[in-house]
Amino acid sequence: MKIHRILFALLLTALPGAVARAGELTGPELKKALQENPEVLLEAVRVNRAAIFSILSRAAQEEQARQKKEAAEAEARALDDTFKDPLVPAIDGGTRIRGEKGARYTLVEYSDFQCPYCVRGFQNVEELRRKYGRDLRVIFKHLPLPFHAQAMPAAQWLEAAALQSPEKAWAFHDALFSNQDKLGAEFFRETAKNLGLDAAKCEADAAGQAVRDRIAADMAEAGKFGFKGTPGFLLNGIPVKGAYPVEYFDELIKKLDAAKTR
């Protein structure tokens, strides 16, 4: 609702008999009238506050709906653009990969071990793995947020575990997400021991430059792709920002399959 219409309505609620030409008033004329007679607006507020509040509330709702619609349309256009030009993550010998090399779908996750939404993301990824089996491979990358005190140490211990055994590192990864309330140095050491890893070496490697560089590279890539919060995903290069349900990924996979048949 435009301000001209709001002010017009206020005039009618305050002085309905005084605006003989109300339907013909232009914006500048209305502005001039209010500047010359400010008491009109004050009288409108005093006489019928409920009506005025209703007008303003309706205007705010209409504006919010417009902004929401524009944001949804912009998001849909951006998603369509990524199907044409998908994002390409770095994958090398040190990348944590779970699944078949030739899988039809690659799901890259940028995550934080202390983020509660990332636990939901982890659970959704596990469901997707069960559902798609050999057709899906999962890549885990780090995006520890600065306000989660244990996120960076957890990421460092995971990378240290991977230096000893990629397979046991995945078990370490699962334990971190399954015991988010226990994260800390004692839990990291105990988990490493339970998995048959050299806990002392893990602790030393976790503080090493190689581990720090690996995590920094993941974080830089996440930033380049526009991921600021966690979790974030790339499904065959299509970005997903947030812990969306499995059904959302199902729909993306359908779109990917449809795009291949065109």
C-alpha atoms as a PDB file:
ATOM      1  CA  MET A   1       0.000   0.000   0.000  1.00  0.00           C
ATOM      2  CA  LYS A   2       1.524   3.359  -1.044  1.00  0.00           C
ATOM      3  CA  ILE A   3       1.916   6.205   1.432  1.00  0.00           C
ATOM      4  CA  HIS A   4      -0.503   8.354  -0.600  1.00  0.00           C
ATOM      5  CA  ARG A   5      -3.285   5.824  -0.039  1.00  0.00           C
ATOM      6  CA  ILE A   6      -2.464   5.520   3.673  1.00  0.00           C
ATOM      7  CA  LEU A   7      -2.597   9.272   4.245  1.00  0.00           C
ATOM      8  CA  PHE A   8      -5.764   9.519   2.192  1.00  0.00           C
ATOM      9  CA  ALA A   9      -7.360   6.878   4.401  1.00  0.00           C
ATOM     10  CA  LEU A  10      -6.229   8.733   7.518  1.00  0.00           C
ATOM     11  CA  LEU A  11      -7.877  11.919   6.271  1.00  0.00           C
ATOM     12  CA  LEU A  12     -11.146  10.110   5.684  1.00  0.00           C
ATOM     13  CA  THR A  13     -11.116   8.527   9.158  1.00  0.00           C
ATOM     14  CA  ALA A  14     -10.497  11.900  10.794  1.00  0.00           C
ATOM     15  CA  LEU A  15     -12.487  14.328   8.682  1.00  0.00           C
ATOM     16  CA  PRO A  16     -14.752  12.476   6.249  1.00  0.00           C
ATOM     17  CA  GLY A  17     -16.861  15.520   5.478  1.00  0.00           C
ATOM     18  CA  ALA A  18     -13.965  17.911   4.960  1.00  0.00           C
ATOM     19  CA  VAL A  19     -12.403  16.215   1.943  1.00  0.00           C
ATOM     20  CA  ALA A  20     -14.815  16.937  -0.864  1.00  0.00           C
ATOM     21  CA  ARG A  21     -12.139  16.474  -3.514  1.00  0.00           C
ATOM     22  CA  ALA A  22     -10.410  13.531  -1.794  1.00  0.00           C
ATOM     23  CA  GLY A  23     -10.763  11.241  -4.791  1.00  0.00           C
ATOM     24  CA  GLU A  24      -9.022  13.825  -6.999  1.00  0.00           C
ATOM     25  CA  LEU A  25      -6.159  14.756  -4.645  1.00  0.00           C
ATOM     26  CA  THR A  26      -2.689  14.177  -6.031  1.00  0.00           C
ATOM     27  CA  GLY A  27       0.312  13.226  -3.915  1.00  0.00           C
ATOM     28  CA  PRO A  28       1.789  16.754  -3.898  1.00  0.00           C
ATOM     29  CA  GLU A  29      -1.612  18.273  -3.048  1.00  0.00           C
ATOM     30  CA  LEU A  30      -2.079  15.880  -0.161  1.00  0.00           C
ATOM     31  CA  LYS A  31       1.424  16.636   1.107  1.00  0.00           C
ATOM     32  CA  LYS A  32       0.771  20.377   0.933  1.00  0.00           C
ATOM     33  CA  ALA A  33      -2.565  19.985   2.748  1.00  0.00           C
ATOM     34  CA  LEU A  34      -0.943  18.108   5.596  1.00  0.00           C
ATOM     35  CA  GLN A  35       1.934  20.581   5.845  1.00  0.00           C
ATOM     36  CA  GLU A  36      -0.528  23.443   6.111  1.00  0.00           C
ATOM     37  CA  ASN A  37      -2.882  21.554   8.448  1.00  0.00           C
ATOM     38  CA  PRO A  38      -0.789  19.116  10.556  1.00  0.00           C
ATOM     39  CA  GLU A  39      -3.544  18.957  13.123  1.00  0.00           C
ATOM     40  CA  VAL A  40      -5.547  16.863  10.639  1.00  0.00           C
ATOM     41  CA  LEU A  41      -3.140  13.956  10.969  1.00  0.00           C
ATOM     42  CA  LEU A  42      -3.050  14.261  14.744  1.00  0.00           C
ATOM     43  CA  GLU A  43      -6.838  14.314  14.810  1.00  0.00           C
ATOM     44  CA  ALA A  44      -6.916  11.184  12.636  1.00  0.00           C
ATOM     45  CA  VAL A  45      -4.742   9.325  15.116  1.00  0.00           C
ATOM     46  CA  ARG A  46      -6.827  10.485  18.068  1.00  0.00           C
ATOM     47  CA  VAL A  47     -10.228   9.775  16.529  1.00  0.00           C
ATOM     48  CA  ASN A  48      -9.670   6.282  15.174  1.00  0.00           C
ATOM     49  CA  ARG A  49      -6.518   4.587  16.299  1.00  0.00           C
ATOM     50  CA  ALA A  50      -7.786   1.089  15.567  1.00  0.00           C
ATOM     51  CA  ALA A  51      -8.539   1.890  11.927  1.00  0.00           C
ATOM     52  CA  ILE A  52      -5.151   3.539  11.483  1.00  0.00           C
ATOM     53  CA  PHE A  53      -3.338   0.585  13.026  1.00  0.00           C
ATOM     54  CA  SER A  54      -5.250  -1.762  10.719  1.00  0.00           C
ATOM     55  CA  ILE A  55      -4.225   0.270   7.661  1.00  0.00           C
ATOM     56  CA  LEU A  56      -0.568   0.351   8.641  1.00  0.00           C
ATOM     57  CA  SER A  57      -0.551  -3.325   9.636  1.00  0.00           C
ATOM     58  CA  ARG A  58      -2.070  -4.329   6.307  1.00  0.00           C
ATOM     59  CA  ALA A  59       0.501  -2.224   4.460  1.00  0.00           C
ATOM     60  CA  ALA A  60       3.338  -3.921   6.364  1.00  0.00           C
ATOM     61  CA  GLN A  61       1.932  -7.385   5.599  1.00  0.00           C
ATOM     62  CA  GLU A  62       1.635  -6.557   1.907  1.00  0.00           C
ATOM     63  CA  GLU A  63       5.223  -5.312   1.838  1.00  0.00           C
ATOM     64  CA  GLN A  64       6.496  -8.415   3.636  1.00  0.00           C
ATOM     65  CA  ALA A  65       4.626 -10.655   1.195  1.00  0.00           C
ATOM     66  CA  ARG A  66       6.098  -8.739  -1.746  1.00  0.00           C
ATOM     67  CA  GLN A  67       9.630  -9.034  -0.393  1.00  0.00           C
ATOM     68  CA  LYS A  68       9.169 -12.750   0.351  1.00  0.00           C
ATOM     69  CA  LYS A  69       7.886 -13.369  -3.173  1.00  0.00           C
ATOM     70  CA  GLU A  70      10.794 -11.470  -4.722  1.00  0.00           C
ATOM     71  CA  ALA A  71      13.301 -13.392  -2.579  1.00  0.00           C
ATOM     72  CA  ALA A  72      11.745 -16.742  -3.569  1.00  0.00           C
ATOM     73  CA  GLU A  73      11.826 -15.793  -7.245  1.00  0.00           C
ATOM     74  CA  ALA A  74      15.459 -14.684  -6.985  1.00  0.00           C
ATOM     75  CA  GLU A  75      16.377 -17.934  -5.234  1.00  0.00           C
ATOM     76  CA  ALA A  76      14.634 -19.977  -7.930  1.00  0.00           C
ATOM     77  CA  ARG A  77      16.482 -18.098 -10.675  1.00  0.00           C
ATOM     78  CA  ALA A  78      19.805 -18.603  -8.884  1.00  0.00           C
ATOM     79  CA  LEU A  79      19.093 -22.337  -8.551  1.00  0.00           C
ATOM     80  CA  ASP A  80      18.299 -22.599 -12.268  1.00  0.00           C
ATOM     81  CA  ASP A  81      21.566 -20.826 -13.051  1.00  0.00           C
ATOM     82  CA  THR A  82      23.582 -23.345 -11.033  1.00  0.00           C
ATOM     83  CA  PHE A  83      22.109 -26.210 -13.061  1.00  0.00           C
ATOM     84  CA  LYS A  84      23.611 -24.535 -16.119  1.00  0.00           C
ATOM     85  CA  ASP A  85      26.914 -23.744 -14.410  1.00  0.00           C
ATOM     86  CA  PRO A  86      27.405 -26.005 -11.342  1.00  0.00           C
ATOM     87  CA  LEU A  87      30.035 -25.231  -8.731  1.00  0.00           C
ATOM     88  CA  VAL A  88      33.199 -27.350  -8.780  1.00  0.00           C
ATOM     89  CA  PRO A  89      34.772 -28.280  -5.417  1.00  0.00           C
ATOM     90  CA  ALA A  90      38.404 -29.292  -5.092  1.00  0.00           C
ATOM     91  CA  ILE A  91      38.900 -33.058  -4.776  1.00  0.00           C
ATOM     92  CA  ASP A  92      42.354 -34.525  -4.197  1.00  0.00           C
ATOM     93  CA  GLY A  93      44.066 -37.406  -2.466  1.00  0.00           C
ATOM     94  CA  GLY A  94      43.368 -35.957   0.961  1.00  0.00           C
ATOM     95  CA  THR A  95      39.661 -35.343   0.407  1.00  0.00           C
ATOM     96  CA  ARG A  96      37.402 -37.330   2.739  1.00  0.00           C
ATOM     97  CA  ILE A  97      35.235 -39.432   0.423  1.00  0.00           C
ATOM     98  CA  ARG A  98      32.661 -42.024   1.432  1.00  0.00           C
ATOM     99  CA  GLY A  99      31.235 -44.105  -1.381  1.00  0.00           C
ATOM    100  CA  GLU A 100      32.018 -45.275  -4.892  1.00  0.00           C
ATOM    101  CA  LYS A 101      34.308 -43.192  -7.103  1.00  0.00           C
ATOM    102  CA  GLY A 102      31.965 -43.590 -10.073  1.00  0.00           C
ATOM    103  CA  ALA A 103      28.758 -42.708  -8.195  1.00  0.00           C
ATOM    104  CA  ARG A 104      26.110 -40.815 -10.168  1.00  0.00           C
ATOM    105  CA  TYR A 105      25.721 -38.189  -7.460  1.00  0.00           C
ATOM    106  CA  THR A 106      28.342 -36.435  -5.353  1.00  0.00           C
ATOM    107  CA  LEU A 107      27.199 -34.720  -2.175  1.00  0.00           C
ATOM    108  CA  VAL A 108      29.751 -32.355  -0.648  1.00  0.00           C
ATOM    109  CA  GLU A 109      29.015 -31.214   2.898  1.00  0.00           C
ATOM    110  CA  TYR A 110      30.534 -28.141   4.604  1.00  0.00           C
ATOM    111  CA  SER A 111      29.914 -28.634   8.284  1.00  0.00           C
ATOM    112  CA  ASP A 112      30.650 -27.780  11.922  1.00  0.00           C
ATOM    113  CA  PHE A 113      30.787 -30.574  14.519  1.00  0.00           C
ATOM    114  CA  GLN A 114      29.293 -28.377  17.246  1.00  0.00           C
ATOM    115  CA  CYS A 115      26.441 -26.932  15.181  1.00  0.00           C
ATOM    116  CA  PRO A 116      23.031 -28.424  16.155  1.00  0.00           C
ATOM    117  CA  TYR A 117      21.731 -27.975  12.610  1.00  0.00           C
ATOM    118  CA  CYS A 118      24.720 -29.952  11.343  1.00  0.00           C
ATOM    119  CA  VAL A 119      23.611 -32.942  13.412  1.00  0.00           C
ATOM    120  CA  ARG A 120      20.336 -32.835  11.512  1.00  0.00           C
ATOM    121  CA  GLY A 121      22.320 -32.488   8.296  1.00  0.00           C
ATOM    122  CA  PHE A 122      24.419 -35.531   9.253  1.00  0.00           C
ATOM    123  CA  GLN A 123      21.283 -37.572   9.897  1.00  0.00           C
ATOM    124  CA  ASN A 124      19.832 -36.533   6.541  1.00  0.00           C
ATOM    125  CA  VAL A 125      23.062 -37.468   4.762  1.00  0.00           C
ATOM    126  CA  GLU A 126      22.984 -40.898   6.403  1.00  0.00           C
ATOM    127  CA  GLU A 127      19.416 -41.400   5.215  1.00  0.00           C
ATOM    128  CA  LEU A 128      20.414 -40.353   1.699  1.00  0.00           C
ATOM    129  CA  ARG A 129      23.311 -42.832   1.771  1.00  0.00           C
ATOM    130  CA  ARG A 130      20.948 -45.634   2.740  1.00  0.00           C
ATOM    131  CA  LYS A 131      18.442 -44.592   0.112  1.00  0.00           C
ATOM    132  CA  TYR A 132      20.775 -44.157  -2.880  1.00  0.00           C
ATOM    133  CA  GLY A 133      23.462 -46.678  -2.000  1.00  0.00           C
ATOM    134  CA  ARG A 134      26.202 -46.972  -4.626  1.00  0.00           C
ATOM    135  CA  ASP A 135      24.728 -44.086  -6.617  1.00  0.00           C
ATOM    136  CA  LEU A 136      25.782 -41.554  -3.982  1.00  0.00           C
ATOM    137  CA  ARG A 137      29.212 -40.630  -2.685  1.00  0.00           C
ATOM    138  CA  VAL A 138      29.664 -38.180   0.178  1.00  0.00           C
ATOM    139  CA  ILE A 139      32.528 -35.730   0.702  1.00  0.00           C
ATOM    140  CA  PHE A 140      32.989 -34.035   4.054  1.00  0.00           C
ATOM    141  CA  LYS A 141      34.586 -30.590   4.304  1.00  0.00           C
ATOM    142  CA  HIS A 142      35.085 -28.315   7.270  1.00  0.00           C
ATOM    143  CA  LEU A 143      33.401 -25.035   8.105  1.00  0.00           C
ATOM    144  CA  PRO A 144      33.897 -24.616  11.884  1.00  0.00           C
ATOM    145  CA  LEU A 145      32.157 -21.468  13.054  1.00  0.00           C
ATOM    146  CA  PRO A 146      34.140 -19.146  15.340  1.00  0.00           C
ATOM    147  CA  PHE A 147      31.505 -19.031  18.105  1.00  0.00           C
ATOM    148  CA  HIS A 148      31.604 -22.828  18.574  1.00  0.00           C
ATOM    149  CA  ALA A 149      34.591 -23.391  20.862  1.00  0.00           C
ATOM    150  CA  GLN A 150      34.957 -27.124  20.121  1.00  0.00           C
ATOM    151  CA  ALA A 151      34.285 -26.977  16.383  1.00  0.00           C
ATOM    152  CA  MET A 152      37.865 -26.251  15.308  1.00  0.00           C
ATOM    153  CA  PRO A 153      39.488 -28.750  17.720  1.00  0.00           C
ATOM    154  CA  ALA A 154      37.045 -31.434  16.520  1.00  0.00           C
ATOM    155  CA  ALA A 155      37.918 -30.667  12.902  1.00  0.00           C
ATOM    156  CA  GLN A 156      41.628 -30.862  13.716  1.00  0.00           C
ATOM    157  CA  TRP A 157      41.266 -34.233  15.429  1.00  0.00           C
ATOM    158  CA  LEU A 158      39.319 -35.601  12.475  1.00  0.00           C
ATOM    159  CA  GLU A 159      42.064 -34.566  10.071  1.00  0.00           C
ATOM    160  CA  ALA A 160      44.679 -36.022  12.396  1.00  0.00           C
ATOM    161  CA  ALA A 161      42.752 -39.313  12.483  1.00  0.00           C
ATOM    162  CA  ALA A 162      42.587 -39.312   8.670  1.00  0.00           C
ATOM    163  CA  LEU A 163      46.382 -39.161   8.501  1.00  0.00           C
ATOM    164  CA  GLN A 164      46.447 -42.561  10.218  1.00  0.00           C
ATOM    165  CA  SER A 165      43.393 -44.201   8.649  1.00  0.00           C
ATOM    166  CA  PRO A 166      40.774 -42.734   6.262  1.00  0.00           C
ATOM    167  CA  GLU A 167      38.318 -45.483   7.232  1.00  0.00           C
ATOM    168  CA  LYS A 168      38.701 -44.910  10.967  1.00  0.00           C
ATOM    169  CA  ALA A 169      38.463 -41.168  10.356  1.00  0.00           C
ATOM    170  CA  TRP A 170      34.921 -41.705   9.081  1.00  0.00           C
ATOM    171  CA  ALA A 171      34.116 -43.631  12.266  1.00  0.00           C
ATOM    172  CA  PHE A 172      35.604 -40.712  14.215  1.00  0.00           C
ATOM    173  CA  HIS A 173      33.389 -38.339  12.185  1.00  0.00           C
ATOM    174  CA  ASP A 174      30.282 -40.371  13.090  1.00  0.00           C
ATOM    175  CA  ALA A 175      31.223 -40.418  16.770  1.00  0.00           C
ATOM    176  CA  LEU A 176      31.644 -36.636  16.835  1.00  0.00           C
ATOM    177  CA  PHE A 177      28.170 -36.006  15.434  1.00  0.00           C
ATOM    178  CA  SER A 178      26.594 -38.728  17.578  1.00  0.00           C
ATOM    179  CA  ASN A 179      28.082 -37.296  20.790  1.00  0.00           C
ATOM    180  CA  GLN A 180      27.918 -33.568  20.231  1.00  0.00           C
ATOM    181  CA  ASP A 181      27.345 -32.875  23.938  1.00  0.00           C
ATOM    182  CA  LYS A 182      30.655 -34.574  24.840  1.00  0.00           C
ATOM    183  CA  LEU A 183      33.027 -32.718  22.527  1.00  0.00           C
ATOM    184  CA  GLY A 184      36.330 -31.875  24.163  1.00  0.00           C
ATOM    185  CA  ALA A 185      39.944 -33.018  24.447  1.00  0.00           C
ATOM    186  CA  GLU A 186      39.132 -35.961  26.721  1.00  0.00           C
ATOM    187  CA  PHE A 187      36.432 -37.254  24.376  1.00  0.00           C
ATOM    188  CA  PHE A 188      38.693 -36.846  21.339  1.00  0.00           C
ATOM    189  CA  ARG A 189      41.486 -38.863  22.984  1.00  0.00           C
ATOM    190  CA  GLU A 190      39.123 -41.579  24.231  1.00  0.00           C
ATOM    191  CA  THR A 191      37.450 -41.929  20.835  1.00  0.00           C
ATOM    192  CA  ALA A 192      40.812 -42.202  19.086  1.00  0.00           C
ATOM    193  CA  LYS A 193      41.884 -44.971  21.493  1.00  0.00           C
ATOM    194  CA  ASN A 194      38.584 -46.842  21.059  1.00  0.00           C
ATOM    195  CA  LEU A 195      39.078 -46.810  17.303  1.00  0.00           C
ATOM    196  CA  GLY A 196      42.587 -48.226  17.608  1.00  0.00           C
ATOM    197  CA  LEU A 197      44.313 -44.998  16.616  1.00  0.00           C
ATOM    198  CA  ASP A 198      47.480 -43.648  18.176  1.00  0.00           C
ATOM    199  CA  ALA A 199      45.874 -40.954  20.336  1.00  0.00           C
ATOM    200  CA  ALA A 200      49.154 -39.247  21.192  1.00  0.00           C
ATOM    201  CA  LYS A 201      50.047 -38.949  17.513  1.00  0.00           C
ATOM    202  CA  CYS A 202      46.549 -37.676  16.733  1.00  0.00           C
ATOM    203  CA  GLU A 203      46.927 -34.982  19.367  1.00  0.00           C
ATOM    204  CA  ALA A 204      50.300 -33.916  17.989  1.00  0.00           C
ATOM    205  CA  ASP A 205      49.122 -33.979  14.358  1.00  0.00           C
ATOM    206  CA  ALA A 206      45.984 -32.023  15.251  1.00  0.00           C
ATOM    207  CA  ALA A 207      48.176 -29.065  16.173  1.00  0.00           C
ATOM    208  CA  GLY A 208      50.307 -29.389  13.032  1.00  0.00           C
ATOM    209  CA  GLN A 209      50.397 -27.058  10.055  1.00  0.00           C
ATOM    210  CA  ALA A 210      49.304 -29.689   7.535  1.00  0.00           C
ATOM    211  CA  VAL A 211      46.022 -30.192   9.392  1.00  0.00           C
ATOM    212  CA  ARG A 212      45.478 -26.452   9.756  1.00  0.00           C
ATOM    213  CA  ASP A 213      46.113 -25.915   6.054  1.00  0.00           C
ATOM    214  CA  ARG A 214      43.589 -28.603   5.091  1.00  0.00           C
ATOM    215  CA  ILE A 215      40.865 -27.055   7.239  1.00  0.00           C
ATOM    216  CA  ALA A 216      41.711 -23.540   6.012  1.00  0.00           C
ATOM    217  CA  ALA A 217      41.387 -24.708   2.397  1.00  0.00           C
ATOM    218  CA  ASP A 218      37.930 -26.150   3.103  1.00  0.00           C
ATOM    219  CA  MET A 219      36.826 -22.945   4.791  1.00  0.00           C
ATOM    220  CA  ALA A 220      38.127 -20.791   1.950  1.00  0.00           C
ATOM    221  CA  GLU A 221      36.268 -22.920  -0.591  1.00  0.00           C
ATOM    222  CA  ALA A 222      33.047 -22.684   1.431  1.00  0.00           C
ATOM    223  CA  GLY A 223      33.398 -18.898   1.494  1.00  0.00           C
ATOM    224  CA  LYS A 224      34.034 -18.781  -2.251  1.00  0.00           C
ATOM    225  CA  PHE A 225      30.798 -20.685  -2.811  1.00  0.00           C
ATOM    226  CA  GLY A 226      28.819 -18.343  -0.562  1.00  0.00           C
ATOM    227  CA  PHE A 227      28.406 -20.623   2.467  1.00  0.00           C
ATOM    228  CA  LYS A 228      28.416 -18.503   5.620  1.00  0.00           C
ATOM    229  CA  GLY A 229      26.384 -20.691   7.958  1.00  0.00           C
ATOM    230  CA  THR A 230      26.266 -24.446   8.415  1.00  0.00           C
ATOM    231  CA  PRO A 231      25.523 -26.918   7.104  1.00  0.00           C
ATOM    232  CA  GLY A 232      26.012 -26.211   3.415  1.00  0.00           C
ATOM    233  CA  PHE A 233      25.964 -28.761   0.592  1.00  0.00           C
ATOM    234  CA  LEU A 234      26.789 -29.193  -3.067  1.00  0.00           C
ATOM    235  CA  LEU A 235      24.820 -31.901  -4.859  1.00  0.00           C
ATOM    236  CA  ASN A 236      26.580 -32.413  -8.178  1.00  0.00           C
ATOM    237  CA  GLY A 237      27.596 -28.775  -7.880  1.00  0.00           C
ATOM    238  CA  ILE A 238      24.129 -27.473  -6.948  1.00  0.00           C
ATOM    239  CA  PRO A 239      24.312 -25.481  -3.676  1.00  0.00           C
ATOM    240  CA  VAL A 240      21.975 -26.191  -0.761  1.00  0.00           C
ATOM    241  CA  LYS A 241      22.249 -23.780   2.160  1.00  0.00           C
ATOM    242  CA  GLY A 242      20.852 -25.315   5.320  1.00  0.00           C
ATOM    243  CA  ALA A 243      19.727 -28.628   6.826  1.00  0.00           C
ATOM    244  CA  TYR A 244      17.029 -29.279   4.229  1.00  0.00           C
ATOM    245  CA  PRO A 245      15.051 -32.530   4.540  1.00  0.00           C
ATOM    246  CA  VAL A 246      15.800 -35.603   2.466  1.00  0.00           C
ATOM    247  CA  GLU A 247      12.820 -34.854   0.228  1.00  0.00           C
ATOM    248  CA  TYR A 248      14.461 -31.618  -0.944  1.00  0.00           C
ATOM    249  CA  PHE A 249      17.511 -33.542  -2.120  1.00  0.00           C
ATOM    250  CA  ASP A 250      15.214 -36.086  -3.783  1.00  0.00           C
ATOM    251  CA  GLU A 251      13.683 -33.282  -5.846  1.00  0.00           C
ATOM    252  CA  LEU A 252      17.113 -31.958  -6.818  1.00  0.00           C
ATOM    253  CA  ILE A 253      18.142 -35.430  -7.958  1.00  0.00           C
ATOM    254  CA  LYS A 254      15.001 -35.645 -10.103  1.00  0.00           C
ATOM    255  CA  LYS A 255      15.913 -32.309 -11.690  1.00  0.00           C
ATOM    256  CA  LEU A 256      19.476 -33.469 -12.286  1.00  0.00           C
ATOM    257  CA  ASP A 257      18.213 -36.647 -13.952  1.00  0.00           C
ATOM    258  CA  ALA A 258      15.754 -34.666 -16.070  1.00  0.00           C
ATOM    259  CA  ALA A 259      18.490 -32.273 -17.168  1.00  0.00           C
ATOM    260  CA  LYS A 260      20.619 -35.205 -18.363  1.00  0.00           C
ATOM    261  CA  THR A 261      17.831 -36.509 -20.615  1.00  0.00           C
ATOM    262  CA  ARG A 262      17.285 -33.202 -22.428  1.00  0.00           C
END
